[in-house]
Amino acid sequence: MAPMESFLASRFPVVAMVTSGSWEDQLRGWFAQLCGWFAQFDFGGWFGQLGGWFTHEWEQFLEWASQPHVIAAVLAWIITFWVVCIFILGGFGPAGVVAGTLAAAFQSYAYAGFTPAGSIFATLTSMGMLGTLVPPVFIVAATLATAVSAIVWLCGVGR
């Protein structure tokens, strides 16, 4: 493990899980450590029973989540979400239109230096500068990503 990875892994168990070995085995080990920590505060066996239930449910979840069609649907959601966010937010930042982005190219092509007040482009620029553009974009991106993920799931990709 590289020095930076070992430094992070010593402070964050999730980093250790990702940087070494099978992620499923590391996740199981981390969860077992967490359940063991809770077991030391056993009040009449309640935490032990709760830990056993969580361990059983976690194992079932990992078994389900490691199926190829589930992984395909999750990856479809993640990729679609970020592509939509980058495409929509691409260029409308807190300092205005960012140079070299789709928004800058469109502004240069369509308005040639003069952006009319009240136009959609001016409104998007204002929303990007104020930070009010982000929540609606996330809602749209999550909705589209969910639709794409559902289509991938229904088409049986990975089965």
C-alpha atoms as a PDB file:
ATOM      1  CA  MET A   1       0.000   0.000   0.000  1.00  0.00           C
ATOM      2  CA  ALA A   2       1.301   3.474  -0.859  1.00  0.00           C
ATOM      3  CA  PRO A   3       2.166   5.842   2.039  1.00  0.00           C
ATOM      4  CA  MET A   4      -0.891   8.033   1.451  1.00  0.00           C
ATOM      5  CA  GLU A   5      -3.202   5.009   1.262  1.00  0.00           C
ATOM      6  CA  SER A   6      -1.813   3.545   4.486  1.00  0.00           C
ATOM      7  CA  PHE A   7      -2.149   6.932   6.205  1.00  0.00           C
ATOM      8  CA  LEU A   8      -5.809   7.189   5.171  1.00  0.00           C
ATOM      9  CA  ALA A   9      -6.453   3.505   5.865  1.00  0.00           C
ATOM     10  CA  SER A  10      -5.184   3.897   9.438  1.00  0.00           C
ATOM     11  CA  ARG A  11      -7.736   6.646  10.057  1.00  0.00           C
ATOM     12  CA  PHE A  12     -10.681   5.573   7.922  1.00  0.00           C
ATOM     13  CA  PRO A  13     -11.666   1.873   7.781  1.00  0.00           C
ATOM     14  CA  VAL A  14     -13.528   2.445   4.513  1.00  0.00           C
ATOM     15  CA  VAL A  15     -10.276   3.447   2.779  1.00  0.00           C
ATOM     16  CA  ALA A  16      -8.602   0.285   4.072  1.00  0.00           C
ATOM     17  CA  MET A  17     -11.541  -1.697   2.728  1.00  0.00           C
ATOM     18  CA  VAL A  18     -11.233  -0.199  -0.747  1.00  0.00           C
ATOM     19  CA  THR A  19      -7.450  -0.277  -1.059  1.00  0.00           C
ATOM     20  CA  SER A  20      -6.783  -3.877  -0.093  1.00  0.00           C
ATOM     21  CA  GLY A  21      -8.342  -7.215  -0.953  1.00  0.00           C
ATOM     22  CA  SER A  22     -11.844  -8.011  -2.055  1.00  0.00           C
ATOM     23  CA  TRP A  23     -14.206  -5.173  -1.246  1.00  0.00           C
ATOM     24  CA  GLU A  24     -16.884  -7.644  -0.172  1.00  0.00           C
ATOM     25  CA  ASP A  25     -14.547  -9.378   2.285  1.00  0.00           C
ATOM     26  CA  GLN A  26     -13.295  -6.056   3.603  1.00  0.00           C
ATOM     27  CA  LEU A  27     -16.866  -4.769   4.006  1.00  0.00           C
ATOM     28  CA  ARG A  28     -17.865  -7.931   5.850  1.00  0.00           C
ATOM     29  CA  GLY A  29     -14.846  -7.578   8.140  1.00  0.00           C
ATOM     30  CA  TRP A  30     -15.542  -3.931   8.858  1.00  0.00           C
ATOM     31  CA  PHE A  31     -19.184  -4.710   9.627  1.00  0.00           C
ATOM     32  CA  ALA A  32     -18.157  -7.600  11.902  1.00  0.00           C
ATOM     33  CA  GLN A  33     -15.833  -5.226  13.781  1.00  0.00           C
ATOM     34  CA  LEU A  34     -18.666  -2.743  14.165  1.00  0.00           C
ATOM     35  CA  CYS A  35     -21.010  -5.459  15.480  1.00  0.00           C
ATOM     36  CA  GLY A  36     -18.279  -6.635  17.858  1.00  0.00           C
ATOM     37  CA  TRP A  37     -17.854  -3.123  19.186  1.00  0.00           C
ATOM     38  CA  PHE A  38     -21.587  -2.874  19.878  1.00  0.00           C
ATOM     39  CA  ALA A  39     -21.559  -6.324  21.498  1.00  0.00           C
ATOM     40  CA  GLN A  40     -19.328  -5.042  24.313  1.00  0.00           C
ATOM     41  CA  PHE A  41     -22.248  -2.933  25.530  1.00  0.00           C
ATOM     42  CA  ASP A  42     -24.522  -5.953  25.806  1.00  0.00           C
ATOM     43  CA  PHE A  43     -27.521  -5.134  27.998  1.00  0.00           C
ATOM     44  CA  GLY A  44     -29.188  -8.452  28.723  1.00  0.00           C
ATOM     45  CA  GLY A  45     -28.398  -9.902  25.292  1.00  0.00           C
ATOM     46  CA  TRP A  46     -30.315  -7.188  23.428  1.00  0.00           C
ATOM     47  CA  PHE A  47     -27.305  -5.876  21.487  1.00  0.00           C
ATOM     48  CA  GLY A  48     -26.207  -9.432  20.724  1.00  0.00           C
ATOM     49  CA  GLN A  49     -29.579 -10.238  19.203  1.00  0.00           C
ATOM     50  CA  LEU A  50     -29.647  -6.946  17.335  1.00  0.00           C
ATOM     51  CA  GLY A  51     -26.093  -7.517  16.061  1.00  0.00           C
ATOM     52  CA  GLY A  52     -27.023 -11.014  14.905  1.00  0.00           C
ATOM     53  CA  TRP A  53     -30.044  -9.674  13.048  1.00  0.00           C
ATOM     54  CA  PHE A  54     -27.993  -6.883  11.395  1.00  0.00           C
ATOM     55  CA  THR A  55     -25.268  -9.357  10.422  1.00  0.00           C
ATOM     56  CA  HIS A  56     -27.818 -11.690   8.839  1.00  0.00           C
ATOM     57  CA  GLU A  57     -29.535  -8.865   6.951  1.00  0.00           C
ATOM     58  CA  TRP A  58     -26.193  -7.415   5.834  1.00  0.00           C
ATOM     59  CA  GLU A  59     -25.112 -10.789   4.446  1.00  0.00           C
ATOM     60  CA  GLN A  60     -28.388 -11.077   2.513  1.00  0.00           C
ATOM     61  CA  PHE A  61     -27.973  -7.553   1.163  1.00  0.00           C
ATOM     62  CA  LEU A  62     -24.391  -8.222   0.009  1.00  0.00           C
ATOM     63  CA  GLU A  63     -25.490 -11.448  -1.663  1.00  0.00           C
ATOM     64  CA  TRP A  64     -28.254  -9.600  -3.520  1.00  0.00           C
ATOM     65  CA  ALA A  65     -26.097  -6.561  -4.376  1.00  0.00           C
ATOM     66  CA  SER A  66     -23.290  -8.673  -5.857  1.00  0.00           C
ATOM     67  CA  GLN A  67     -25.526 -10.086  -8.612  1.00  0.00           C
ATOM     68  CA  PRO A  68     -24.549  -8.861 -12.103  1.00  0.00           C
ATOM     69  CA  HIS A  69     -27.955  -7.404 -12.977  1.00  0.00           C
ATOM     70  CA  VAL A  70     -28.046  -5.390  -9.726  1.00  0.00           C
ATOM     71  CA  ILE A  71     -24.536  -4.063 -10.359  1.00  0.00           C
ATOM     72  CA  ALA A  72     -25.556  -3.113 -13.923  1.00  0.00           C
ATOM     73  CA  ALA A  73     -28.606  -1.185 -12.690  1.00  0.00           C
ATOM     74  CA  VAL A  74     -26.614   0.634  -9.993  1.00  0.00           C
ATOM     75  CA  LEU A  75     -23.841   1.553 -12.436  1.00  0.00           C
ATOM     76  CA  ALA A  76     -26.434   2.782 -14.941  1.00  0.00           C
ATOM     77  CA  TRP A  77     -27.900   5.042 -12.247  1.00  0.00           C
ATOM     78  CA  ILE A  78     -24.524   6.430 -11.152  1.00  0.00           C
ATOM     79  CA  ILE A  79     -23.263   7.084 -14.683  1.00  0.00           C
ATOM     80  CA  THR A  80     -26.522   8.672 -15.848  1.00  0.00           C
ATOM     81  CA  PHE A  81     -26.770  10.873 -12.757  1.00  0.00           C
ATOM     82  CA  TRP A  82     -23.279  12.293 -13.160  1.00  0.00           C
ATOM     83  CA  VAL A  83     -23.468  12.704 -16.940  1.00  0.00           C
ATOM     84  CA  VAL A  84     -26.711  14.679 -16.595  1.00  0.00           C
ATOM     85  CA  CYS A  85     -25.288  16.803 -13.758  1.00  0.00           C
ATOM     86  CA  ILE A  86     -22.119  17.580 -15.681  1.00  0.00           C
ATOM     87  CA  PHE A  87     -24.044  18.312 -18.877  1.00  0.00           C
ATOM     88  CA  ILE A  88     -26.580  20.635 -17.249  1.00  0.00           C
ATOM     89  CA  LEU A  89     -24.226  22.302 -14.790  1.00  0.00           C
ATOM     90  CA  GLY A  90     -21.407  22.309 -17.325  1.00  0.00           C
ATOM     91  CA  GLY A  91     -20.293  25.895 -17.345  1.00  0.00           C
ATOM     92  CA  PHE A  92     -22.569  27.733 -14.927  1.00  0.00           C
ATOM     93  CA  GLY A  93     -20.401  28.278 -11.863  1.00  0.00           C
ATOM     94  CA  PRO A  94     -20.299  30.615  -8.871  1.00  0.00           C
ATOM     95  CA  ALA A  95     -18.191  33.126 -10.814  1.00  0.00           C
ATOM     96  CA  GLY A  96     -20.440  33.095 -13.894  1.00  0.00           C
ATOM     97  CA  VAL A  97     -19.899  31.233 -17.124  1.00  0.00           C
ATOM     98  CA  VAL A  98     -16.736  29.108 -16.916  1.00  0.00           C
ATOM     99  CA  ALA A  99     -14.318  29.489 -19.835  1.00  0.00           C
ATOM    100  CA  GLY A 100     -13.924  26.515 -22.185  1.00  0.00           C
ATOM    101  CA  THR A 101     -17.233  24.827 -21.280  1.00  0.00           C
ATOM    102  CA  LEU A 102     -20.420  24.096 -23.207  1.00  0.00           C
ATOM    103  CA  ALA A 103     -22.051  27.174 -21.704  1.00  0.00           C
ATOM    104  CA  ALA A 104     -19.157  29.396 -22.854  1.00  0.00           C
ATOM    105  CA  ALA A 105     -19.249  27.911 -26.358  1.00  0.00           C
ATOM    106  CA  PHE A 106     -23.008  28.453 -26.587  1.00  0.00           C
ATOM    107  CA  GLN A 107     -22.723  32.021 -25.293  1.00  0.00           C
ATOM    108  CA  SER A 108     -19.981  32.795 -27.798  1.00  0.00           C
ATOM    109  CA  TYR A 109     -21.926  31.266 -30.693  1.00  0.00           C
ATOM    110  CA  ALA A 110     -25.425  32.518 -29.906  1.00  0.00           C
ATOM    111  CA  TYR A 111     -24.833  35.908 -28.318  1.00  0.00           C
ATOM    112  CA  ALA A 112     -21.292  36.896 -29.385  1.00  0.00           C
ATOM    113  CA  GLY A 113     -20.612  38.824 -26.197  1.00  0.00           C
ATOM    114  CA  PHE A 114     -24.098  40.245 -25.650  1.00  0.00           C
ATOM    115  CA  THR A 115     -26.388  38.163 -23.467  1.00  0.00           C
ATOM    116  CA  PRO A 116     -29.887  39.676 -23.332  1.00  0.00           C
ATOM    117  CA  ALA A 117     -31.212  40.338 -19.839  1.00  0.00           C
ATOM    118  CA  GLY A 118     -34.019  37.996 -18.876  1.00  0.00           C
ATOM    119  CA  SER A 119     -33.037  35.314 -21.389  1.00  0.00           C
ATOM    120  CA  ILE A 120     -32.872  31.651 -20.374  1.00  0.00           C
ATOM    121  CA  PHE A 121     -29.081  31.797 -20.595  1.00  0.00           C
ATOM    122  CA  ALA A 122     -28.923  34.860 -18.319  1.00  0.00           C
ATOM    123  CA  THR A 123     -31.287  33.188 -15.859  1.00  0.00           C
ATOM    124  CA  LEU A 124     -29.185  29.991 -15.795  1.00  0.00           C
ATOM    125  CA  THR A 125     -26.034  32.082 -15.272  1.00  0.00           C
ATOM    126  CA  SER A 126     -27.684  33.908 -12.380  1.00  0.00           C
ATOM    127  CA  MET A 127     -28.920  30.651 -10.854  1.00  0.00           C
ATOM    128  CA  GLY A 128     -25.431  29.137 -11.167  1.00  0.00           C
ATOM    129  CA  MET A 129     -23.879  32.141  -9.459  1.00  0.00           C
ATOM    130  CA  LEU A 130     -26.425  32.111  -6.625  1.00  0.00           C
ATOM    131  CA  GLY A 131     -26.288  28.326  -6.179  1.00  0.00           C
ATOM    132  CA  THR A 132     -30.020  27.864  -6.785  1.00  0.00           C
ATOM    133  CA  LEU A 133     -29.370  25.835  -9.942  1.00  0.00           C
ATOM    134  CA  VAL A 134     -28.012  22.812  -8.083  1.00  0.00           C
ATOM    135  CA  PRO A 135     -31.152  21.405  -6.350  1.00  0.00           C
ATOM    136  CA  PRO A 136     -33.337  21.368  -9.502  1.00  0.00           C
ATOM    137  CA  VAL A 137     -30.483  19.801 -11.484  1.00  0.00           C
ATOM    138  CA  PHE A 138     -30.069  17.062  -8.887  1.00  0.00           C
ATOM    139  CA  ILE A 139     -33.812  16.354  -8.980  1.00  0.00           C
ATOM    140  CA  VAL A 140     -33.813  16.135 -12.790  1.00  0.00           C
ATOM    141  CA  ALA A 141     -30.618  14.039 -12.794  1.00  0.00           C
ATOM    142  CA  ALA A 142     -31.961  11.643 -10.149  1.00  0.00           C
ATOM    143  CA  THR A 143     -35.260  11.257 -12.016  1.00  0.00           C
ATOM    144  CA  LEU A 144     -33.556  10.529 -15.339  1.00  0.00           C
ATOM    145  CA  ALA A 145     -31.045   8.207 -13.683  1.00  0.00           C
ATOM    146  CA  THR A 146     -33.850   6.283 -12.003  1.00  0.00           C
ATOM    147  CA  ALA A 147     -35.663   5.926 -15.331  1.00  0.00           C
ATOM    148  CA  VAL A 148     -32.515   4.652 -17.064  1.00  0.00           C
ATOM    149  CA  SER A 149     -31.777   2.284 -14.189  1.00  0.00           C
ATOM    150  CA  ALA A 150     -35.345   0.932 -14.319  1.00  0.00           C
ATOM    151  CA  ILE A 151     -35.016   0.344 -18.073  1.00  0.00           C
ATOM    152  CA  VAL A 152     -31.712  -1.496 -17.532  1.00  0.00           C
ATOM    153  CA  TRP A 153     -33.347  -3.579 -14.796  1.00  0.00           C
ATOM    154  CA  LEU A 154     -36.448  -4.383 -16.858  1.00  0.00           C
ATOM    155  CA  CYS A 155     -34.407  -5.281 -19.951  1.00  0.00           C
ATOM    156  CA  GLY A 156     -32.492  -7.796 -17.855  1.00  0.00           C
ATOM    157  CA  VAL A 157     -29.012  -6.471 -18.532  1.00  0.00           C
ATOM    158  CA  GLY A 158     -26.513  -8.694 -16.725  1.00  0.00           C
ATOM    159  CA  ARG A 159     -28.804 -11.712 -16.385  1.00  0.00           C
END
